[in-house]
Amino acid sequence: MKIKPIRRSAFTLIEIMIVVGIIGLLAIAIIPNISKNRERAQLKMIEQNLRKIDAAKNLWALENNKGSGETPSADDLKPYDGWPKAIAGEQYNINSVGAMPTATLSGKLGTNTASSVISLPSE
């Protein structure tokens, strides 16, 4: 009667090192893209907030019989859900009715430096 040896299957140290190396390379490739995508998303949210402020400003002007050149306050726009929270520490500038609102950054965001002014892209 022959005794069959029990064979254990396990990963070798080389195989484990190769897997860890591949995961490290993937992490090196992905991490910079994640931060760039986050900055792009923040800029898009700031643009959406500017659109929201502009819509609220136009509703305010329509309901209060105000014309071009009149500037509402942030409190005037709150009933229209037109005063958003800051995404990246920016400050929103309402500007007058007929002029597009802008946002002034407090720090660097993407290619924009601190104190950069962001406005809506012309369509």
C-alpha atoms as a PDB file:
ATOM      1  CA  MET A   1       0.000   0.000   0.000  1.00  0.00           C
ATOM      2  CA  LYS A   2       1.390   3.319  -1.126  1.00  0.00           C
ATOM      3  CA  ILE A   3       0.844   6.463   0.869  1.00  0.00           C
ATOM      4  CA  LYS A   4       0.057   9.442  -1.302  1.00  0.00           C
ATOM      5  CA  PRO A   5       1.795  12.590  -0.127  1.00  0.00           C
ATOM      6  CA  ILE A   6      -0.512  15.487   0.654  1.00  0.00           C
ATOM      7  CA  ARG A   7       0.369  18.436  -1.538  1.00  0.00           C
ATOM      8  CA  ARG A   8      -0.374  21.884  -0.242  1.00  0.00           C
ATOM      9  CA  SER A   9      -1.047  24.572  -2.770  1.00  0.00           C
ATOM     10  CA  ALA A  10       0.074  28.033  -1.734  1.00  0.00           C
ATOM     11  CA  PHE A  11       1.352  31.223  -3.273  1.00  0.00           C
ATOM     12  CA  THR A  12       5.056  31.691  -3.430  1.00  0.00           C
ATOM     13  CA  LEU A  13       6.784  34.818  -2.242  1.00  0.00           C
ATOM     14  CA  ILE A  14       7.579  35.787  -5.846  1.00  0.00           C
ATOM     15  CA  GLU A  15       3.908  35.574  -6.881  1.00  0.00           C
ATOM     16  CA  ILE A  16       2.834  37.717  -3.956  1.00  0.00           C
ATOM     17  CA  MET A  17       5.526  40.314  -4.740  1.00  0.00           C
ATOM     18  CA  ILE A  18       4.404  40.475  -8.383  1.00  0.00           C
ATOM     19  CA  VAL A  19       0.767  41.075  -7.360  1.00  0.00           C
ATOM     20  CA  VAL A  20       1.783  43.794  -4.883  1.00  0.00           C
ATOM     21  CA  GLY A  21       3.946  45.422  -7.570  1.00  0.00           C
ATOM     22  CA  ILE A  22       1.081  45.470 -10.079  1.00  0.00           C
ATOM     23  CA  ILE A  23      -1.285  46.977  -7.503  1.00  0.00           C
ATOM     24  CA  GLY A  24       1.340  49.639  -6.718  1.00  0.00           C
ATOM     25  CA  LEU A  25       1.707  50.550 -10.401  1.00  0.00           C
ATOM     26  CA  LEU A  26      -2.065  50.856 -10.776  1.00  0.00           C
ATOM     27  CA  ALA A  27      -2.245  53.092  -7.706  1.00  0.00           C
ATOM     28  CA  ILE A  28       0.504  55.331  -9.091  1.00  0.00           C
ATOM     29  CA  ALA A  29      -1.464  55.711 -12.331  1.00  0.00           C
ATOM     30  CA  ILE A  30      -4.867  56.309 -10.716  1.00  0.00           C
ATOM     31  CA  ILE A  31      -4.185  58.674  -7.795  1.00  0.00           C
ATOM     32  CA  PRO A  32      -3.255  61.792  -9.878  1.00  0.00           C
ATOM     33  CA  ASN A  33      -6.364  61.314 -12.014  1.00  0.00           C
ATOM     34  CA  ILE A  34      -8.590  61.178  -8.942  1.00  0.00           C
ATOM     35  CA  SER A  35      -7.390  64.579  -7.727  1.00  0.00           C
ATOM     36  CA  LYS A  36      -7.787  66.116 -11.202  1.00  0.00           C
ATOM     37  CA  ASN A  37     -11.315  64.741 -11.467  1.00  0.00           C
ATOM     38  CA  ARG A  38     -12.142  66.154  -8.045  1.00  0.00           C
ATOM     39  CA  GLU A  39     -10.954  69.622  -9.090  1.00  0.00           C
ATOM     40  CA  ARG A  40     -12.930  69.418 -12.330  1.00  0.00           C
ATOM     41  CA  ALA A  41     -16.040  68.412 -10.391  1.00  0.00           C
ATOM     42  CA  GLN A  42     -15.565  71.330  -7.987  1.00  0.00           C
ATOM     43  CA  LEU A  43     -15.265  73.778 -10.898  1.00  0.00           C
ATOM     44  CA  LYS A  44     -18.437  72.344 -12.469  1.00  0.00           C
ATOM     45  CA  MET A  45     -20.268  72.734  -9.142  1.00  0.00           C
ATOM     46  CA  ILE A  46     -19.135  76.361  -8.915  1.00  0.00           C
ATOM     47  CA  GLU A  47     -20.479  76.940 -12.443  1.00  0.00           C
ATOM     48  CA  GLN A  48     -23.789  75.326 -11.449  1.00  0.00           C
ATOM     49  CA  ASN A  49     -23.946  77.588  -8.401  1.00  0.00           C
ATOM     50  CA  LEU A  50     -23.376  80.620 -10.632  1.00  0.00           C
ATOM     51  CA  ARG A  51     -26.258  79.503 -12.855  1.00  0.00           C
ATOM     52  CA  LYS A  52     -28.411  79.075  -9.756  1.00  0.00           C
ATOM     53  CA  ILE A  53     -27.553  82.589  -8.549  1.00  0.00           C
ATOM     54  CA  ASP A  54     -28.299  84.038 -11.994  1.00  0.00           C
ATOM     55  CA  ALA A  55     -31.690  82.308 -12.160  1.00  0.00           C
ATOM     56  CA  ALA A  56     -32.589  83.466  -8.636  1.00  0.00           C
ATOM     57  CA  LYS A  57     -31.470  87.004  -9.488  1.00  0.00           C
ATOM     58  CA  ASN A  58     -33.688  87.049 -12.578  1.00  0.00           C
ATOM     59  CA  LEU A  59     -36.679  85.727 -10.601  1.00  0.00           C
ATOM     60  CA  TRP A  60     -36.078  88.366  -7.932  1.00  0.00           C
ATOM     61  CA  ALA A  61     -35.995  91.114 -10.567  1.00  0.00           C
ATOM     62  CA  LEU A  62     -39.161  89.807 -12.222  1.00  0.00           C
ATOM     63  CA  GLU A  63     -41.163  89.525  -9.001  1.00  0.00           C
ATOM     64  CA  ASN A  64     -40.010  92.866  -7.602  1.00  0.00           C
ATOM     65  CA  ASN A  65     -40.252  94.872 -10.848  1.00  0.00           C
ATOM     66  CA  LYS A  66     -36.532  95.609 -10.903  1.00  0.00           C
ATOM     67  CA  GLY A  67     -34.622  96.360 -14.058  1.00  0.00           C
ATOM     68  CA  SER A  68     -31.062  96.092 -15.258  1.00  0.00           C
ATOM     69  CA  GLY A  69     -28.569  97.692 -12.952  1.00  0.00           C
ATOM     70  CA  GLU A  70     -30.355  96.714  -9.728  1.00  0.00           C
ATOM     71  CA  THR A  71     -28.340  94.439  -7.447  1.00  0.00           C
ATOM     72  CA  PRO A  72     -30.068  92.098  -4.983  1.00  0.00           C
ATOM     73  CA  SER A  73     -28.460  91.056  -1.722  1.00  0.00           C
ATOM     74  CA  ALA A  74     -27.759  87.480  -0.704  1.00  0.00           C
ATOM     75  CA  ASP A  75     -30.754  87.667   1.650  1.00  0.00           C
ATOM     76  CA  ASP A  76     -32.976  88.715  -1.276  1.00  0.00           C
ATOM     77  CA  LEU A  77     -31.985  85.556  -3.183  1.00  0.00           C
ATOM     78  CA  LYS A  78     -32.409  83.048  -0.332  1.00  0.00           C
ATOM     79  CA  PRO A  79     -36.181  82.594  -0.868  1.00  0.00           C
ATOM     80  CA  TYR A  80     -35.422  81.513  -4.443  1.00  0.00           C
ATOM     81  CA  ASP A  81     -32.862  78.935  -3.235  1.00  0.00           C
ATOM     82  CA  GLY A  82     -30.282  81.074  -4.955  1.00  0.00           C
ATOM     83  CA  TRP A  83     -27.507  81.338  -2.415  1.00  0.00           C
ATOM     84  CA  PRO A  84     -25.417  78.166  -2.473  1.00  0.00           C
ATOM     85  CA  LYS A  85     -22.795  77.007  -0.013  1.00  0.00           C
ATOM     86  CA  ALA A  86     -19.142  77.406  -0.975  1.00  0.00           C
ATOM     87  CA  ILE A  87     -17.587  74.336  -2.609  1.00  0.00           C
ATOM     88  CA  ALA A  88     -13.883  75.200  -2.387  1.00  0.00           C
ATOM     89  CA  GLY A  89     -13.846  78.313  -0.194  1.00  0.00           C
ATOM     90  CA  GLU A  90     -14.928  80.652  -3.007  1.00  0.00           C
ATOM     91  CA  GLN A  91     -16.928  83.842  -2.554  1.00  0.00           C
ATOM     92  CA  TYR A  92     -19.813  84.586  -4.880  1.00  0.00           C
ATOM     93  CA  ASN A  93     -20.344  88.037  -6.377  1.00  0.00           C
ATOM     94  CA  ILE A  94     -23.969  88.623  -7.319  1.00  0.00           C
ATOM     95  CA  ASN A  95     -23.415  91.618  -9.634  1.00  0.00           C
ATOM     96  CA  SER A  96     -26.340  93.575 -11.025  1.00  0.00           C
ATOM     97  CA  VAL A  97     -29.313  92.230 -12.941  1.00  0.00           C
ATOM     98  CA  GLY A  98     -28.242  91.690 -16.537  1.00  0.00           C
ATOM     99  CA  ALA A  99     -24.617  90.941 -15.578  1.00  0.00           C
ATOM    100  CA  MET A 100     -23.483  87.414 -14.932  1.00  0.00           C
ATOM    101  CA  PRO A 101     -22.484  86.506 -11.360  1.00  0.00           C
ATOM    102  CA  THR A 102     -18.868  85.574 -10.639  1.00  0.00           C
ATOM    103  CA  ALA A 103     -16.959  83.631  -8.006  1.00  0.00           C
ATOM    104  CA  THR A 104     -13.598  84.589  -6.508  1.00  0.00           C
ATOM    105  CA  LEU A 105     -11.407  81.694  -5.388  1.00  0.00           C
ATOM    106  CA  SER A 106      -9.642  81.800  -2.053  1.00  0.00           C
ATOM    107  CA  GLY A 107      -7.084  79.151  -3.043  1.00  0.00           C
ATOM    108  CA  LYS A 108      -5.710  77.291  -6.040  1.00  0.00           C
ATOM    109  CA  LEU A 109      -8.186  75.083  -7.877  1.00  0.00           C
ATOM    110  CA  GLY A 110      -7.086  73.295 -11.031  1.00  0.00           C
ATOM    111  CA  THR A 111      -5.383  75.768 -13.337  1.00  0.00           C
ATOM    112  CA  ASN A 112      -6.937  78.704 -11.450  1.00  0.00           C
ATOM    113  CA  THR A 113      -4.747  80.425  -8.895  1.00  0.00           C
ATOM    114  CA  ALA A 114      -5.848  82.076  -5.660  1.00  0.00           C
ATOM    115  CA  SER A 115      -7.923  85.235  -6.228  1.00  0.00           C
ATOM    116  CA  SER A 116      -8.919  84.018  -9.708  1.00  0.00           C
ATOM    117  CA  VAL A 117     -12.391  85.053 -10.832  1.00  0.00           C
ATOM    118  CA  ILE A 118     -14.590  82.340 -12.297  1.00  0.00           C
ATOM    119  CA  SER A 119     -17.498  83.248 -14.502  1.00  0.00           C
ATOM    120  CA  LEU A 120     -19.916  81.246 -16.597  1.00  0.00           C
ATOM    121  CA  PRO A 121     -18.631  80.229 -20.003  1.00  0.00           C
ATOM    122  CA  SER A 122     -20.257  82.122 -22.847  1.00  0.00           C
ATOM    123  CA  GLU A 123     -22.667  79.905 -24.713  1.00  0.00           C
END
